[in-house]
């Protein structure tokens, strides 16, 4: 069990190191990233943004197509 935990922590540290290298590259450091890693990061970011836009689009379509029902009930006054 401890070997699995160590492997999990090592793999997450590798991901964190990739992100740290990417930030260093953007900041003007001399750390170079391979093109493959840059493409992977850009694809993941693009996918996250597109999923957000698709969700926003369907939410707006739902709100515009369905009539808004009020929870206020009209009371008939008898006088």
PDB file of N, CA and C in Angstrom:
ATOM      1  N   UNK A   1       0.820  -1.195   0.000  1.00  0.00           N
ATOM      2  CA  UNK A   1       0.000   0.000   0.000  1.00  0.00           C
ATOM      3  C   UNK A   1       0.864   1.260   0.000  1.00  0.00           C
ATOM      4  N   UNK A   2       1.955   1.233   0.730  1.00  0.00           N
ATOM      5  CA  UNK A   2       2.802   2.414   0.796  1.00  0.00           C
ATOM      6  C   UNK A   2       3.479   2.680  -0.551  1.00  0.00           C
ATOM      7  N   UNK A   3       3.780   1.626  -1.314  1.00  0.00           N
ATOM      8  CA  UNK A   3       4.374   1.828  -2.641  1.00  0.00           C
ATOM      9  C   UNK A   3       3.401   2.537  -3.574  1.00  0.00           C
ATOM     10  N   UNK A   4       2.113   2.194  -3.472  1.00  0.00           N
ATOM     11  CA  UNK A   4       1.117   2.858  -4.302  1.00  0.00           C
ATOM     12  C   UNK A   4       1.010   4.337  -3.928  1.00  0.00           C
ATOM     13  N   UNK A   5       1.070   4.647  -2.647  1.00  0.00           N
ATOM     14  CA  UNK A   5       1.005   6.037  -2.203  1.00  0.00           C
ATOM     15  C   UNK A   5       2.231   6.812  -2.679  1.00  0.00           C
ATOM     16  N   UNK A   6       3.390   6.191  -2.592  1.00  0.00           N
ATOM     17  CA  UNK A   6       4.617   6.842  -3.051  1.00  0.00           C
ATOM     18  C   UNK A   6       4.545   7.105  -4.554  1.00  0.00           C
ATOM     19  N   UNK A   7       4.055   6.138  -5.310  1.00  0.00           N
ATOM     20  CA  UNK A   7       3.925   6.328  -6.760  1.00  0.00           C
ATOM     21  C   UNK A   7       2.934   7.445  -7.085  1.00  0.00           C
ATOM     22  N   UNK A   8       1.843   7.532  -6.319  1.00  0.00           N
ATOM     23  CA  UNK A   8       0.855   8.586  -6.537  1.00  0.00           C
ATOM     24  C   UNK A   8       1.466   9.958  -6.253  1.00  0.00           C
ATOM     25  N   UNK A   9       2.203  10.063  -5.170  1.00  0.00           N
ATOM     26  CA  UNK A   9       2.831  11.338  -4.830  1.00  0.00           C
ATOM     27  C   UNK A   9       3.909  11.710  -5.847  1.00  0.00           C
ATOM     28  N   UNK A  10       4.650  10.722  -6.339  1.00  0.00           N
ATOM     29  CA  UNK A  10       5.672  11.009  -7.345  1.00  0.00           C
ATOM     30  C   UNK A  10       5.044  11.491  -8.645  1.00  0.00           C
ATOM     31  N   UNK A  11       3.934  10.879  -9.050  1.00  0.00           N
ATOM     32  CA  UNK A  11       3.289  11.293 -10.303  1.00  0.00           C
ATOM     33  C   UNK A  11       2.674  12.674 -10.174  1.00  0.00           C
ATOM     34  N   UNK A  12       2.121  13.017  -9.011  1.00  0.00           N
ATOM     35  CA  UNK A  12       1.561  14.360  -8.839  1.00  0.00           C
ATOM     36  C   UNK A  12       2.672  15.393  -8.758  1.00  0.00           C
ATOM     37  N   UNK A  13       3.805  15.026  -8.182  1.00  0.00           N
ATOM     38  CA  UNK A  13       4.936  15.945  -8.137  1.00  0.00           C
ATOM     39  C   UNK A  13       5.464  16.206  -9.538  1.00  0.00           C
ATOM     40  N   UNK A  14       5.451  15.201 -10.387  1.00  0.00           N
ATOM     41  CA  UNK A  14       5.897  15.382 -11.772  1.00  0.00           C
ATOM     42  C   UNK A  14       4.986  16.361 -12.488  1.00  0.00           C
ATOM     43  N   UNK A  15       3.680  16.244 -12.279  1.00  0.00           N
ATOM     44  CA  UNK A  15       2.739  17.187 -12.886  1.00  0.00           C
ATOM     45  C   UNK A  15       2.949  18.594 -12.375  1.00  0.00           C
ATOM     46  N   UNK A  16       3.209  18.717 -11.083  1.00  0.00           N
ATOM     47  CA  UNK A  16       3.460  20.032 -10.512  1.00  0.00           C
ATOM     48  C   UNK A  16       4.753  20.615 -11.072  1.00  0.00           C
ATOM     49  N   UNK A  17       5.756  19.778 -11.243  1.00  0.00           N
ATOM     50  CA  UNK A  17       7.020  20.254 -11.815  1.00  0.00           C
ATOM     51  C   UNK A  17       6.834  20.739 -13.247  1.00  0.00           C
ATOM     52  N   UNK A  18       5.989  20.061 -14.002  1.00  0.00           N
ATOM     53  CA  UNK A  18       5.720  20.507 -15.374  1.00  0.00           C
ATOM     54  C   UNK A  18       5.062  21.874 -15.379  1.00  0.00           C
ATOM     55  N   UNK A  19       4.110  22.073 -14.475  1.00  0.00           N
ATOM     56  CA  UNK A  19       3.428  23.369 -14.400  1.00  0.00           C
ATOM     57  C   UNK A  19       4.409  24.450 -13.948  1.00  0.00           C
ATOM     58  N   UNK A  20       5.268  24.110 -12.977  1.00  0.00           N
ATOM     59  CA  UNK A  20       6.258  25.082 -12.512  1.00  0.00           C
ATOM     60  C   UNK A  20       7.226  25.457 -13.635  1.00  0.00           C
ATOM     61  N   UNK A  21       7.656  24.474 -14.431  1.00  0.00           N
ATOM     62  CA  UNK A  21       8.533  24.766 -15.566  1.00  0.00           C
ATOM     63  C   UNK A  21       7.836  25.649 -16.587  1.00  0.00           C
ATOM     64  N   UNK A  22       6.549  25.392 -16.805  1.00  0.00           N
ATOM     65  CA  UNK A  22       5.786  26.197 -17.761  1.00  0.00           C
ATOM     66  C   UNK A  22       5.706  27.654 -17.298  1.00  0.00           C
ATOM     67  N   UNK A  23       5.460  27.847 -15.995  1.00  0.00           N
ATOM     68  CA  UNK A  23       5.380  29.207 -15.452  1.00  0.00           C
ATOM     69  C   UNK A  23       6.746  29.897 -15.539  1.00  0.00           C
ATOM     70  N   UNK A  24       7.814  29.150 -15.259  1.00  0.00           N
ATOM     71  CA  UNK A  24       9.161  29.721 -15.380  1.00  0.00           C
ATOM     72  C   UNK A  24       9.455  30.137 -16.809  1.00  0.00           C
ATOM     73  N   UNK A  25       9.016  29.339 -17.763  1.00  0.00           N
ATOM     74  CA  UNK A  25       9.235  29.671 -19.169  1.00  0.00           C
ATOM     75  C   UNK A  25       8.489  30.943 -19.538  1.00  0.00           C
ATOM     76  N   UNK A  26       7.257  31.070 -19.054  1.00  0.00           N
ATOM     77  CA  UNK A  26       6.482  32.275 -19.337  1.00  0.00           C
ATOM     78  C   UNK A  26       7.098  33.505 -18.673  1.00  0.00           C
ATOM     79  N   UNK A  27       7.709  33.310 -17.516  1.00  0.00           N
ATOM     80  CA  UNK A  27       8.297  34.423 -16.790  1.00  0.00           C
ATOM     81  C   UNK A  27       9.649  34.846 -17.365  1.00  0.00           C
ATOM     82  N   UNK A  28      10.137  34.119 -18.335  1.00  0.00           N
ATOM     83  CA  UNK A  28      11.388  34.496 -18.970  1.00  0.00           C
ATOM     84  C   UNK A  28      12.579  33.734 -18.455  1.00  0.00           C
ATOM     85  N   UNK A  29      12.354  32.677 -17.719  1.00  0.00           N
ATOM     86  CA  UNK A  29      13.464  31.862 -17.245  1.00  0.00           C
ATOM     87  C   UNK A  29      14.085  31.074 -18.384  1.00  0.00           C
ATOM     88  N   UNK A  30      15.195  30.440 -18.112  1.00  0.00           N
ATOM     89  CA  UNK A  30      15.878  29.702 -19.162  1.00  0.00           C
ATOM     90  C   UNK A  30      15.491  28.228 -19.178  1.00  0.00           C
ATOM     91  N   UNK A  31      14.428  27.866 -18.470  1.00  0.00           N
ATOM     92  CA  UNK A  31      13.951  26.492 -18.471  1.00  0.00           C
ATOM     93  C   UNK A  31      13.195  26.230 -19.774  1.00  0.00           C
ATOM     94  N   UNK A  32      13.609  25.210 -20.495  1.00  0.00           N
ATOM     95  CA  UNK A  32      12.965  24.894 -21.774  1.00  0.00           C
ATOM     96  C   UNK A  32      11.990  23.742 -21.600  1.00  0.00           C
ATOM     97  N   UNK A  33      10.850  23.869 -22.254  1.00  0.00           N
ATOM     98  CA  UNK A  33       9.852  22.810 -22.249  1.00  0.00           C
ATOM     99  C   UNK A  33       9.796  22.194 -23.624  1.00  0.00           C
ATOM    100  N   UNK A  34       9.656  20.891 -23.688  1.00  0.00           N
ATOM    101  CA  UNK A  34       9.479  20.267 -25.004  1.00  0.00           C
ATOM    102  C   UNK A  34       8.147  20.681 -25.621  1.00  0.00           C
ATOM    103  N   UNK A  35       8.112  20.685 -26.926  1.00  0.00           N
ATOM    104  CA  UNK A  35       6.909  21.097 -27.639  1.00  0.00           C
ATOM    105  C   UNK A  35       5.730  20.192 -27.302  1.00  0.00           C
ATOM    106  N   UNK A  36       5.985  18.914 -27.078  1.00  0.00           N
ATOM    107  CA  UNK A  36       4.900  17.977 -26.770  1.00  0.00           C
ATOM    108  C   UNK A  36       4.185  18.372 -25.484  1.00  0.00           C
ATOM    109  N   UNK A  37       4.933  18.806 -24.472  1.00  0.00           N
ATOM    110  CA  UNK A  37       4.301  19.202 -23.210  1.00  0.00           C
ATOM    111  C   UNK A  37       3.508  20.489 -23.366  1.00  0.00           C
ATOM    112  N   UNK A  38       4.011  21.406 -24.160  1.00  0.00           N
ATOM    113  CA  UNK A  38       3.280  22.647 -24.404  1.00  0.00           C
ATOM    114  C   UNK A  38       1.969  22.348 -25.116  1.00  0.00           C
ATOM    115  N   UNK A  39       1.998  21.440 -26.069  1.00  0.00           N
ATOM    116  CA  UNK A  39       0.775  21.073 -26.789  1.00  0.00           C
ATOM    117  C   UNK A  39      -0.232  20.389 -25.881  1.00  0.00           C
ATOM    118  N   UNK A  40       0.245  19.552 -24.977  1.00  0.00           N
ATOM    119  CA  UNK A  40      -0.663  18.876 -24.044  1.00  0.00           C
ATOM    120  C   UNK A  40      -1.344  19.899 -23.135  1.00  0.00           C
ATOM    121  N   UNK A  41      -0.568  20.836 -22.599  1.00  0.00           N
ATOM    122  CA  UNK A  41      -1.130  21.857 -21.719  1.00  0.00           C
ATOM    123  C   UNK A  41      -2.140  22.719 -22.465  1.00  0.00           C
ATOM    124  N   UNK A  42      -1.813  23.097 -23.690  1.00  0.00           N
ATOM    125  CA  UNK A  42      -2.730  23.945 -24.448  1.00  0.00           C
ATOM    126  C   UNK A  42      -4.010  23.195 -24.809  1.00  0.00           C
ATOM    127  N   UNK A  43      -3.907  21.917 -25.113  1.00  0.00           N
ATOM    128  CA  UNK A  43      -5.113  21.133 -25.422  1.00  0.00           C
ATOM    129  C   UNK A  43      -6.014  20.994 -24.212  1.00  0.00           C
ATOM    130  N   UNK A  44      -5.424  20.770 -23.047  1.00  0.00           N
ATOM    131  CA  UNK A  44      -6.230  20.641 -21.829  1.00  0.00           C
ATOM    132  C   UNK A  44      -6.931  21.960 -21.517  1.00  0.00           C
ATOM    133  N   UNK A  45      -6.214  23.072 -21.609  1.00  0.00           N
ATOM    134  CA  UNK A  45      -6.829  24.369 -21.356  1.00  0.00           C
ATOM    135  C   UNK A  45      -7.933  24.676 -22.361  1.00  0.00           C
ATOM    136  N   UNK A  46      -7.704  24.340 -23.622  1.00  0.00           N
ATOM    137  CA  UNK A  46      -8.713  24.551 -24.650  1.00  0.00           C
ATOM    138  C   UNK A  46      -9.961  23.726 -24.358  1.00  0.00           C
ATOM    139  N   UNK A  47      -9.776  22.466 -23.927  1.00  0.00           N
ATOM    140  CA  UNK A  47     -10.918  21.602 -23.622  1.00  0.00           C
ATOM    141  C   UNK A  47     -11.723  22.156 -22.448  1.00  0.00           C
ATOM    142  N   UNK A  48     -11.045  22.645 -21.424  1.00  0.00           N
ATOM    143  CA  UNK A  48     -11.751  23.195 -20.263  1.00  0.00           C
ATOM    144  C   UNK A  48     -12.562  24.428 -20.663  1.00  0.00           C
ATOM    145  N   UNK A  49     -11.964  25.303 -21.462  1.00  0.00           N
ATOM    146  CA  UNK A  49     -12.678  26.508 -21.897  1.00  0.00           C
ATOM    147  C   UNK A  49     -13.867  26.148 -22.779  1.00  0.00           C
ATOM    148  N   UNK A  50     -13.698  25.199 -23.684  1.00  0.00           N
ATOM    149  CA  UNK A  50     -14.806  24.812 -24.568  1.00  0.00           C
ATOM    150  C   UNK A  50     -15.947  24.171 -23.793  1.00  0.00           C
ATOM    151  N   UNK A  51     -15.628  23.355 -22.795  1.00  0.00           N
ATOM    152  CA  UNK A  51     -16.685  22.761 -21.971  1.00  0.00           C
ATOM    153  C   UNK A  51     -17.452  23.856 -21.234  1.00  0.00           C
ATOM    154  N   UNK A  52     -16.748  24.875 -20.780  1.00  0.00           N
ATOM    155  CA  UNK A  52     -17.417  25.999 -20.122  1.00  0.00           C
ATOM    156  C   UNK A  52     -18.328  26.748 -21.065  1.00  0.00           C
ATOM    157  N   UNK A  53     -17.856  27.013 -22.287  1.00  0.00           N
ATOM    158  CA  UNK A  53     -18.700  27.709 -23.259  1.00  0.00           C
ATOM    159  C   UNK A  53     -19.910  26.889 -23.656  1.00  0.00           C
ATOM    160  N   UNK A  54     -19.739  25.591 -23.814  1.00  0.00           N
ATOM    161  CA  UNK A  54     -20.872  24.730 -24.180  1.00  0.00           C
ATOM    162  C   UNK A  54     -21.897  24.706 -23.051  1.00  0.00           C
ATOM    163  N   UNK A  55     -21.432  24.597 -21.807  1.00  0.00           N
ATOM    164  CA  UNK A  55     -22.352  24.621 -20.672  1.00  0.00           C
ATOM    165  C   UNK A  55     -23.091  25.938 -20.573  1.00  0.00           C
ATOM    166  N   UNK A  56     -22.381  27.045 -20.779  1.00  0.00           N
ATOM    167  CA  UNK A  56     -23.011  28.361 -20.748  1.00  0.00           C
ATOM    168  C   UNK A  56     -24.047  28.491 -21.859  1.00  0.00           C
ATOM    169  N   UNK A  57     -23.729  28.005 -23.062  1.00  0.00           N
ATOM    170  CA  UNK A  57     -24.643  28.077 -24.199  1.00  0.00           C
ATOM    171  C   UNK A  57     -25.932  27.313 -23.909  1.00  0.00           C
ATOM    172  N   UNK A  58     -25.808  26.070 -23.418  1.00  0.00           N
ATOM    173  CA  UNK A  58     -27.008  25.280 -23.150  1.00  0.00           C
ATOM    174  C   UNK A  58     -27.815  25.859 -21.990  1.00  0.00           C
ATOM    175  N   UNK A  59     -27.155  26.453 -21.013  1.00  0.00           N
ATOM    176  CA  UNK A  59     -27.874  27.090 -19.918  1.00  0.00           C
ATOM    177  C   UNK A  59     -28.686  28.271 -20.439  1.00  0.00           C
ATOM    178  N   UNK A  60     -28.091  29.079 -21.307  1.00  0.00           N
ATOM    179  CA  UNK A  60     -28.807  30.222 -21.888  1.00  0.00           C
ATOM    180  C   UNK A  60     -29.952  29.762 -22.788  1.00  0.00           C
ATOM    181  N   UNK A  61     -29.736  28.682 -23.545  1.00  0.00           N
ATOM    182  CA  UNK A  61     -30.809  28.163 -24.396  1.00  0.00           C
ATOM    183  C   UNK A  61     -31.972  27.669 -23.548  1.00  0.00           C
ATOM    184  N   UNK A  62     -31.657  27.002 -22.429  1.00  0.00           N
ATOM    185  CA  UNK A  62     -32.715  26.512 -21.547  1.00  0.00           C
ATOM    186  C   UNK A  62     -33.517  27.670 -20.972  1.00  0.00           C
ATOM    187  N   UNK A  63     -32.830  28.725 -20.575  1.00  0.00           N
ATOM    188  CA  UNK A  63     -33.531  29.869 -19.997  1.00  0.00           C
ATOM    189  C   UNK A  63     -34.363  30.625 -21.025  1.00  0.00           C
ATOM    190  N   UNK A  64     -33.920  30.651 -22.279  1.00  0.00           N
ATOM    191  CA  UNK A  64     -34.664  31.415 -23.274  1.00  0.00           C
ATOM    192  C   UNK A  64     -35.824  30.623 -23.871  1.00  0.00           C
ATOM    193  N   UNK A  65     -35.739  29.306 -23.888  1.00  0.00           N
ATOM    194  CA  UNK A  65     -36.803  28.509 -24.498  1.00  0.00           C
ATOM    195  C   UNK A  65     -37.922  28.158 -23.520  1.00  0.00           C
ATOM    196  N   UNK A  66     -37.585  27.927 -22.278  1.00  0.00           N
ATOM    197  CA  UNK A  66     -38.604  27.551 -21.310  1.00  0.00           C
ATOM    198  C   UNK A  66     -39.200  28.806 -20.683  1.00  0.00           C
ATOM    199  N   UNK A  67     -40.525  28.864 -20.596  1.00  0.00           N
ATOM    200  CA  UNK A  67     -41.131  30.040 -19.951  1.00  0.00           C
ATOM    201  C   UNK A  67     -40.808  30.040 -18.453  1.00  0.00           C
ATOM    202  N   UNK A  68     -40.619  31.204 -17.943  1.00  0.00           N
ATOM    203  CA  UNK A  68     -40.312  31.339 -16.522  1.00  0.00           C
ATOM    204  C   UNK A  68     -41.614  31.266 -15.754  1.00  0.00           C
ATOM    205  N   UNK A  69     -41.702  30.321 -14.858  1.00  0.00           N
ATOM    206  CA  UNK A  69     -42.908  30.150 -14.063  1.00  0.00           C
ATOM    207  C   UNK A  69     -42.715  30.839 -12.718  1.00  0.00           C
ATOM    208  N   UNK A  70     -43.679  31.635 -12.359  1.00  0.00           N
ATOM    209  CA  UNK A  70     -43.605  32.355 -11.097  1.00  0.00           C
ATOM    210  C   UNK A  70     -44.143  31.468  -9.981  1.00  0.00           C
ATOM    211  N   UNK A  71     -43.525  31.556  -8.832  1.00  0.00           N
ATOM    212  CA  UNK A  71     -43.988  30.794  -7.677  1.00  0.00           C
ATOM    213  C   UNK A  71     -45.103  31.516  -6.927  1.00  0.00           C
ATOM    214  N   UNK A  72     -45.416  32.738  -7.329  1.00  0.00           N
ATOM    215  CA  UNK A  72     -46.449  33.512  -6.668  1.00  0.00           C
ATOM    216  C   UNK A  72     -47.815  33.073  -7.203  1.00  0.00           C
ATOM    217  N   UNK A  73     -48.686  32.699  -6.297  1.00  0.00           N
ATOM    218  CA  UNK A  73     -50.023  32.272  -6.700  1.00  0.00           C
ATOM    219  C   UNK A  73     -50.989  33.418  -6.511  1.00  0.00           C
ATOM    220  N   UNK A  74     -51.878  33.579  -7.480  1.00  0.00           N
ATOM    221  CA  UNK A  74     -52.868  34.648  -7.383  1.00  0.00           C
ATOM    222  C   UNK A  74     -53.992  34.212  -6.436  1.00  0.00           C
ATOM    223  N   UNK A  75     -54.416  35.141  -5.633  1.00  0.00           N
ATOM    224  CA  UNK A  75     -55.497  34.848  -4.683  1.00  0.00           C
ATOM    225  C   UNK A  75     -56.754  35.565  -5.154  1.00  0.00           C
ATOM    226  N   UNK A  76     -57.824  34.820  -5.180  1.00  0.00           N
ATOM    227  CA  UNK A  76     -59.106  35.398  -5.542  1.00  0.00           C
ATOM    228  C   UNK A  76     -59.746  35.990  -4.279  1.00  0.00           C
ATOM    229  N   UNK A  77     -60.063  37.237  -4.362  1.00  0.00           N
ATOM    230  CA  UNK A  77     -60.716  37.879  -3.209  1.00  0.00           C
ATOM    231  C   UNK A  77     -62.229  37.788  -3.376  1.00  0.00           C
ATOM    232  N   UNK A  78     -62.819  37.385  -2.322  1.00  0.00           N
ATOM    233  CA  UNK A  78     -64.279  37.344  -2.323  1.00  0.00           C
ATOM    234  C   UNK A  78     -64.774  38.470  -1.443  1.00  0.00           C
ATOM    235  N   UNK A  79     -65.571  39.342  -2.014  1.00  0.00           N
ATOM    236  CA  UNK A  79     -65.952  40.507  -1.247  1.00  0.00           C
ATOM    237  C   UNK A  79     -67.353  40.706  -1.085  1.00  0.00           C
TER     238      UNK A  79
END
